[in-house]
N, C-alpha and C. Protein backbone atom coordinates (compact mmCIF):
# COMPACT_ATOMS: atom_id res chain seq x y z
N MET A 1 2.96 1.16 -3.38
CA MET A 1 2.50 -0.02 -4.04
C MET A 1 3.72 -0.88 -4.37
N ALA A 2 3.58 -2.18 -4.22
CA ALA A 2 4.68 -3.09 -4.53
C ALA A 2 4.11 -4.39 -5.09
N HIS A 3 4.91 -5.04 -5.89
CA HIS A 3 4.57 -6.37 -6.40
C HIS A 3 5.54 -7.32 -5.72
N LEU A 4 5.05 -8.10 -4.78
CA LEU A 4 5.90 -9.00 -4.01
C LEU A 4 5.49 -10.44 -4.25
N GLY A 5 6.45 -11.33 -4.11
CA GLY A 5 6.16 -12.75 -4.26
C GLY A 5 7.33 -13.57 -3.76
N VAL A 6 7.13 -14.87 -3.70
CA VAL A 6 8.22 -15.76 -3.30
C VAL A 6 9.24 -15.81 -4.43
N PRO A 7 10.53 -15.91 -4.10
CA PRO A 7 11.53 -15.97 -5.16
C PRO A 7 11.46 -17.30 -5.90
N ASP A 8 11.16 -17.22 -7.18
CA ASP A 8 11.02 -18.43 -7.98
C ASP A 8 11.26 -18.06 -9.44
N MET A 9 12.28 -18.61 -10.04
CA MET A 9 12.63 -18.28 -11.43
C MET A 9 11.58 -18.73 -12.43
N ARG A 10 10.66 -19.59 -12.02
CA ARG A 10 9.60 -19.99 -12.95
C ARG A 10 8.74 -18.80 -13.37
N ILE A 11 8.65 -17.80 -12.50
CA ILE A 11 7.82 -16.63 -12.81
C ILE A 11 8.39 -15.84 -13.99
N PRO A 12 9.64 -15.35 -13.93
CA PRO A 12 10.14 -14.59 -15.09
C PRO A 12 10.29 -15.44 -16.34
N ILE A 13 10.58 -16.73 -16.18
CA ILE A 13 10.69 -17.61 -17.35
C ILE A 13 9.33 -17.75 -18.02
N ALA A 14 8.28 -17.94 -17.22
CA ALA A 14 6.93 -18.04 -17.78
C ALA A 14 6.53 -16.74 -18.46
N TYR A 15 6.88 -15.60 -17.86
CA TYR A 15 6.57 -14.31 -18.49
C TYR A 15 7.29 -14.19 -19.83
N ALA A 16 8.56 -14.57 -19.85
CA ALA A 16 9.34 -14.45 -21.09
C ALA A 16 8.79 -15.36 -22.18
N LEU A 17 8.36 -16.55 -21.81
CA LEU A 17 7.87 -17.51 -22.81
C LEU A 17 6.47 -17.19 -23.32
N SER A 18 5.68 -16.51 -22.51
CA SER A 18 4.28 -16.30 -22.89
C SER A 18 3.93 -14.86 -23.23
N TYR A 19 4.88 -13.93 -23.10
CA TYR A 19 4.59 -12.51 -23.33
C TYR A 19 3.94 -12.29 -24.68
N PRO A 20 2.91 -11.49 -24.80
CA PRO A 20 2.33 -10.62 -23.80
C PRO A 20 1.26 -11.29 -22.94
N ASP A 21 1.01 -12.57 -23.18
CA ASP A 21 0.03 -13.29 -22.37
C ASP A 21 0.71 -13.80 -21.10
N ARG A 22 -0.06 -14.41 -20.22
CA ARG A 22 0.48 -14.98 -18.98
C ARG A 22 0.10 -16.44 -18.89
N LEU A 23 1.09 -17.28 -18.60
CA LEU A 23 0.82 -18.69 -18.36
C LEU A 23 0.27 -18.86 -16.95
N PRO A 24 -0.66 -19.78 -16.75
CA PRO A 24 -1.13 -20.03 -15.38
C PRO A 24 -0.03 -20.73 -14.58
N LEU A 25 0.25 -20.23 -13.40
CA LEU A 25 1.28 -20.81 -12.53
C LEU A 25 0.67 -21.15 -11.19
N THR A 26 1.03 -22.28 -10.65
CA THR A 26 0.63 -22.65 -9.29
C THR A 26 1.87 -22.54 -8.42
N LEU A 27 1.93 -21.47 -7.65
CA LEU A 27 3.10 -21.20 -6.81
C LEU A 27 2.66 -20.94 -5.38
N ASP A 28 3.61 -21.08 -4.47
CA ASP A 28 3.33 -20.72 -3.08
C ASP A 28 3.01 -19.23 -3.02
N ARG A 29 2.08 -18.89 -2.15
CA ARG A 29 1.73 -17.49 -1.96
C ARG A 29 2.64 -16.89 -0.90
N LEU A 30 2.95 -15.63 -1.06
CA LEU A 30 3.76 -14.91 -0.09
C LEU A 30 2.90 -14.57 1.12
N SER A 31 3.39 -14.94 2.29
CA SER A 31 2.69 -14.61 3.53
C SER A 31 3.41 -13.44 4.19
N LEU A 32 2.80 -12.26 4.12
CA LEU A 32 3.43 -11.09 4.72
C LEU A 32 3.56 -11.21 6.23
N SER A 33 2.71 -12.00 6.85
CA SER A 33 2.81 -12.17 8.31
C SER A 33 4.04 -12.99 8.69
N GLN A 34 4.57 -13.76 7.74
CA GLN A 34 5.77 -14.55 8.04
C GLN A 34 7.05 -13.82 7.66
N CYS A 35 6.93 -12.70 6.96
CA CYS A 35 8.11 -11.88 6.65
C CYS A 35 8.44 -11.06 7.88
N ALA A 36 9.68 -11.12 8.31
CA ALA A 36 10.07 -10.35 9.49
C ALA A 36 9.85 -8.86 9.25
N LYS A 37 10.45 -8.35 8.17
CA LYS A 37 10.25 -6.96 7.81
C LYS A 37 10.86 -6.73 6.43
N LEU A 38 10.43 -5.70 5.81
CA LEU A 38 11.03 -5.29 4.54
C LEU A 38 11.93 -4.10 4.82
N GLU A 39 13.12 -4.14 4.27
CA GLU A 39 14.08 -3.07 4.51
C GLU A 39 14.66 -2.63 3.17
N PHE A 40 14.66 -1.34 2.94
CA PHE A 40 15.17 -0.80 1.68
C PHE A 40 16.38 0.07 1.98
N ILE A 41 17.46 -0.18 1.27
CA ILE A 41 18.69 0.59 1.46
C ILE A 41 19.20 1.04 0.10
N GLU A 42 20.01 2.09 0.11
CA GLU A 42 20.63 2.57 -1.12
C GLU A 42 21.60 1.52 -1.64
N PRO A 43 21.70 1.37 -2.95
CA PRO A 43 22.68 0.42 -3.50
C PRO A 43 24.11 0.82 -3.10
N ASP A 44 24.94 -0.16 -2.83
CA ASP A 44 26.33 0.07 -2.44
C ASP A 44 27.20 -0.03 -3.70
N PHE A 45 27.34 1.09 -4.38
CA PHE A 45 28.08 1.10 -5.64
C PHE A 45 29.58 0.92 -5.44
N GLU A 46 30.08 1.25 -4.27
CA GLU A 46 31.52 1.08 -4.01
C GLU A 46 31.89 -0.40 -3.95
N ASN A 47 31.08 -1.19 -3.27
CA ASN A 47 31.36 -2.62 -3.16
C ASN A 47 30.82 -3.43 -4.33
N PHE A 48 29.93 -2.83 -5.11
CA PHE A 48 29.34 -3.52 -6.26
C PHE A 48 29.47 -2.62 -7.50
N PRO A 49 30.69 -2.48 -8.03
CA PRO A 49 30.91 -1.55 -9.15
C PRO A 49 30.14 -1.94 -10.41
N ALA A 50 29.89 -3.23 -10.62
CA ALA A 50 29.14 -3.64 -11.81
C ALA A 50 27.71 -3.13 -11.75
N LEU A 51 27.15 -3.02 -10.55
CA LEU A 51 25.80 -2.48 -10.40
C LEU A 51 25.77 -1.02 -10.84
N LYS A 52 26.81 -0.27 -10.47
CA LYS A 52 26.90 1.13 -10.89
C LYS A 52 27.01 1.22 -12.41
N LEU A 53 27.80 0.34 -13.01
CA LEU A 53 27.93 0.32 -14.47
C LEU A 53 26.57 0.07 -15.13
N ALA A 54 25.80 -0.85 -14.57
CA ALA A 54 24.48 -1.17 -15.12
C ALA A 54 23.53 0.02 -15.03
N PHE A 55 23.50 0.68 -13.87
CA PHE A 55 22.64 1.86 -13.72
C PHE A 55 23.05 2.95 -14.70
N ASN A 56 24.38 3.16 -14.84
CA ASN A 56 24.86 4.19 -15.77
C ASN A 56 24.51 3.85 -17.22
N ALA A 57 24.63 2.58 -17.59
CA ALA A 57 24.28 2.17 -18.96
C ALA A 57 22.79 2.40 -19.22
N LEU A 58 21.96 2.10 -18.24
CA LEU A 58 20.52 2.33 -18.40
C LEU A 58 20.22 3.82 -18.54
N ARG A 59 20.90 4.65 -17.73
CA ARG A 59 20.69 6.09 -17.83
C ARG A 59 21.16 6.63 -19.18
N GLN A 60 22.31 6.12 -19.64
CA GLN A 60 22.84 6.56 -20.92
C GLN A 60 21.92 6.16 -22.06
N GLY A 61 21.35 4.97 -21.95
CA GLY A 61 20.41 4.51 -22.95
C GLY A 61 21.07 4.09 -24.25
N GLY A 62 20.28 4.10 -25.31
CA GLY A 62 20.80 3.68 -26.60
C GLY A 62 21.30 2.25 -26.55
N THR A 63 22.45 2.04 -27.15
CA THR A 63 23.03 0.70 -27.20
C THR A 63 23.93 0.39 -26.00
N ALA A 64 24.05 1.32 -25.05
CA ALA A 64 24.93 1.09 -23.89
C ALA A 64 24.58 -0.19 -23.13
N PRO A 65 23.30 -0.48 -22.85
CA PRO A 65 23.00 -1.73 -22.14
C PRO A 65 23.42 -2.98 -22.93
N ALA A 66 23.33 -2.94 -24.25
CA ALA A 66 23.77 -4.08 -25.06
C ALA A 66 25.28 -4.24 -24.99
N ILE A 67 25.99 -3.13 -24.98
CA ILE A 67 27.45 -3.17 -24.84
C ILE A 67 27.81 -3.76 -23.48
N LEU A 68 27.16 -3.27 -22.44
CA LEU A 68 27.41 -3.79 -21.09
C LEU A 68 27.16 -5.29 -21.03
N ASN A 69 26.05 -5.74 -21.58
CA ASN A 69 25.70 -7.16 -21.52
C ASN A 69 26.71 -8.02 -22.27
N GLY A 70 27.06 -7.62 -23.48
CA GLY A 70 28.02 -8.40 -24.26
C GLY A 70 29.36 -8.51 -23.56
N ALA A 71 29.86 -7.38 -23.07
CA ALA A 71 31.15 -7.37 -22.37
C ALA A 71 31.08 -8.19 -21.09
N ASN A 72 29.97 -8.09 -20.37
CA ASN A 72 29.81 -8.83 -19.12
C ASN A 72 29.82 -10.33 -19.38
N GLU A 73 29.12 -10.78 -20.41
CA GLU A 73 29.09 -12.21 -20.71
C GLU A 73 30.48 -12.74 -21.03
N ILE A 74 31.27 -11.98 -21.78
CA ILE A 74 32.63 -12.40 -22.11
C ILE A 74 33.50 -12.40 -20.86
N ALA A 75 33.40 -11.35 -20.04
CA ALA A 75 34.22 -11.26 -18.83
C ALA A 75 33.88 -12.36 -17.83
N VAL A 76 32.60 -12.64 -17.65
CA VAL A 76 32.20 -13.71 -16.73
C VAL A 76 32.70 -15.06 -17.23
N ALA A 77 32.59 -15.30 -18.53
CA ALA A 77 33.10 -16.56 -19.10
C ALA A 77 34.60 -16.67 -18.87
N ALA A 78 35.33 -15.57 -19.06
CA ALA A 78 36.78 -15.58 -18.84
C ALA A 78 37.10 -15.87 -17.37
N PHE A 79 36.30 -15.31 -16.47
CA PHE A 79 36.50 -15.60 -15.04
C PHE A 79 36.26 -17.08 -14.75
N LEU A 80 35.18 -17.62 -15.29
CA LEU A 80 34.86 -19.03 -15.05
C LEU A 80 35.92 -19.96 -15.65
N GLU A 81 36.59 -19.49 -16.70
CA GLU A 81 37.68 -20.26 -17.31
C GLU A 81 39.02 -19.96 -16.64
N GLU A 82 38.98 -19.16 -15.57
CA GLU A 82 40.17 -18.78 -14.78
C GLU A 82 41.20 -18.00 -15.59
N ARG A 83 40.72 -17.22 -16.57
CA ARG A 83 41.62 -16.37 -17.36
C ARG A 83 41.75 -14.99 -16.74
N ILE A 84 40.77 -14.57 -15.94
CA ILE A 84 40.83 -13.29 -15.22
C ILE A 84 40.33 -13.52 -13.80
N ALA A 85 40.64 -12.57 -12.93
CA ALA A 85 40.16 -12.61 -11.55
C ALA A 85 38.73 -12.06 -11.49
N PHE A 86 38.02 -12.41 -10.43
CA PHE A 86 36.64 -11.95 -10.27
C PHE A 86 36.55 -10.43 -10.33
N LEU A 87 37.47 -9.75 -9.65
CA LEU A 87 37.42 -8.29 -9.60
C LEU A 87 37.76 -7.64 -10.94
N ASP A 88 38.26 -8.41 -11.89
CA ASP A 88 38.54 -7.88 -13.23
C ASP A 88 37.28 -7.76 -14.08
N ILE A 89 36.22 -8.44 -13.70
CA ILE A 89 34.99 -8.44 -14.52
C ILE A 89 34.48 -7.02 -14.72
N ALA A 90 34.29 -6.28 -13.64
CA ALA A 90 33.75 -4.91 -13.76
C ALA A 90 34.71 -4.01 -14.52
N ALA A 91 36.01 -4.20 -14.34
CA ALA A 91 36.99 -3.37 -15.06
C ALA A 91 36.93 -3.62 -16.56
N ILE A 92 36.79 -4.88 -16.95
CA ILE A 92 36.68 -5.22 -18.38
C ILE A 92 35.41 -4.59 -18.96
N VAL A 93 34.31 -4.70 -18.24
CA VAL A 93 33.04 -4.13 -18.72
C VAL A 93 33.16 -2.61 -18.83
N SER A 94 33.73 -1.98 -17.82
CA SER A 94 33.89 -0.52 -17.82
C SER A 94 34.77 -0.06 -18.99
N ASP A 95 35.89 -0.74 -19.18
CA ASP A 95 36.80 -0.37 -20.28
C ASP A 95 36.13 -0.57 -21.63
N THR A 96 35.33 -1.62 -21.75
CA THR A 96 34.61 -1.86 -23.00
C THR A 96 33.60 -0.75 -23.27
N LEU A 97 32.86 -0.36 -22.24
CA LEU A 97 31.90 0.74 -22.39
C LEU A 97 32.61 2.03 -22.81
N ASP A 98 33.82 2.26 -22.28
CA ASP A 98 34.57 3.47 -22.62
C ASP A 98 35.06 3.46 -24.07
N LYS A 99 35.31 2.29 -24.62
CA LYS A 99 35.91 2.19 -25.95
C LYS A 99 34.90 2.20 -27.10
N ILE A 100 33.64 1.94 -26.81
CA ILE A 100 32.65 1.81 -27.88
C ILE A 100 31.66 2.97 -27.83
N GLU A 101 31.47 3.60 -28.97
CA GLU A 101 30.50 4.69 -29.07
C GLU A 101 29.09 4.11 -29.12
N THR A 102 28.21 4.67 -28.30
CA THR A 102 26.83 4.18 -28.28
C THR A 102 26.00 4.87 -29.36
N VAL A 103 24.98 4.18 -29.79
CA VAL A 103 24.04 4.72 -30.77
C VAL A 103 22.76 5.05 -30.02
N GLY A 104 22.31 6.30 -30.12
CA GLY A 104 21.14 6.72 -29.37
C GLY A 104 19.83 6.27 -29.99
N ASN A 105 19.60 6.61 -31.23
CA ASN A 105 18.38 6.24 -31.94
C ASN A 105 18.70 4.97 -32.72
N TYR A 106 18.46 3.82 -32.12
CA TYR A 106 19.01 2.57 -32.62
C TYR A 106 17.96 1.65 -33.23
N THR A 107 18.48 0.74 -34.06
CA THR A 107 17.68 -0.33 -34.66
C THR A 107 18.13 -1.65 -34.05
N LEU A 108 17.44 -2.72 -34.36
CA LEU A 108 17.85 -4.04 -33.90
C LEU A 108 19.25 -4.36 -34.40
N THR A 109 19.54 -3.99 -35.63
CA THR A 109 20.88 -4.23 -36.19
C THR A 109 21.94 -3.49 -35.37
N ASP A 110 21.64 -2.26 -34.95
CA ASP A 110 22.59 -1.51 -34.11
C ASP A 110 22.86 -2.23 -32.80
N VAL A 111 21.81 -2.77 -32.19
CA VAL A 111 21.96 -3.50 -30.92
C VAL A 111 22.82 -4.74 -31.13
N LEU A 112 22.53 -5.49 -32.18
CA LEU A 112 23.31 -6.71 -32.45
C LEU A 112 24.77 -6.37 -32.78
N ASP A 113 24.98 -5.29 -33.53
CA ASP A 113 26.35 -4.86 -33.84
C ASP A 113 27.08 -4.41 -32.58
N ALA A 114 26.39 -3.69 -31.70
CA ALA A 114 27.00 -3.23 -30.45
C ALA A 114 27.40 -4.42 -29.58
N ASP A 115 26.53 -5.41 -29.51
CA ASP A 115 26.82 -6.62 -28.73
C ASP A 115 28.05 -7.33 -29.31
N LYS A 116 28.08 -7.47 -30.61
CA LYS A 116 29.21 -8.16 -31.27
C LYS A 116 30.52 -7.40 -31.03
N GLU A 117 30.48 -6.08 -31.20
CA GLU A 117 31.69 -5.28 -30.99
C GLU A 117 32.14 -5.34 -29.54
N ALA A 118 31.18 -5.29 -28.61
CA ALA A 118 31.52 -5.36 -27.19
C ALA A 118 32.21 -6.67 -26.85
N ARG A 119 31.72 -7.75 -27.41
CA ARG A 119 32.34 -9.06 -27.16
C ARG A 119 33.76 -9.10 -27.71
N GLN A 120 33.96 -8.51 -28.89
CA GLN A 120 35.30 -8.49 -29.48
C GLN A 120 36.25 -7.62 -28.65
N VAL A 121 35.80 -6.45 -28.25
CA VAL A 121 36.63 -5.55 -27.45
C VAL A 121 36.96 -6.19 -26.11
N ALA A 122 35.97 -6.79 -25.46
CA ALA A 122 36.21 -7.43 -24.16
C ALA A 122 37.22 -8.57 -24.31
N GLU A 123 37.09 -9.37 -25.35
CA GLU A 123 38.06 -10.46 -25.58
C GLU A 123 39.46 -9.90 -25.76
N GLN A 124 39.57 -8.79 -26.49
CA GLN A 124 40.89 -8.19 -26.71
C GLN A 124 41.46 -7.65 -25.39
N LEU A 125 40.63 -7.02 -24.59
CA LEU A 125 41.08 -6.51 -23.29
C LEU A 125 41.57 -7.65 -22.40
N ILE A 126 40.87 -8.76 -22.44
CA ILE A 126 41.27 -9.94 -21.64
C ILE A 126 42.59 -10.50 -22.17
N ALA A 127 42.72 -10.59 -23.49
CA ALA A 127 43.96 -11.09 -24.08
C ALA A 127 45.13 -10.17 -23.73
N ASP A 128 44.91 -8.85 -23.80
CA ASP A 128 45.96 -7.89 -23.46
C ASP A 128 46.37 -8.02 -22.00
N LYS A 129 45.41 -8.34 -21.15
CA LYS A 129 45.67 -8.47 -19.71
C LYS A 129 46.58 -9.65 -19.41
N SER A 130 46.47 -10.71 -20.20
CA SER A 130 47.26 -11.91 -19.93
C SER A 130 48.62 -11.89 -20.63
N ASP A 131 48.89 -10.84 -21.43
CA ASP A 131 50.20 -10.74 -22.09
C ASP A 131 51.29 -10.29 -21.14
């Protein structure tokens, strides 16, 4: 079983804005006869290290995904500001995950605190890198 559709960001945005209800959307329908084929391959974690970090954070659970997200947002912003190289993004996120202890049975406050700490740690790692 699969849920397939045309790629359109209006779908997840509408879901986010209307959850748990659904907004009516008028979108193009996916024509399976026009799809050449569907192909599924294993993720390439060697060439996409950030993907591996995301899977690991999800497996670890707790506040790890919040730490990953906060560090990633800071690292991507630093890359866009040309303070770090593209390949430094995953390293900054990984180092941030290593430095912060995750909370398993967490509250909203724990998630917000983890995000804040991750952003601070990532900023410090970036600053240390440019020294």
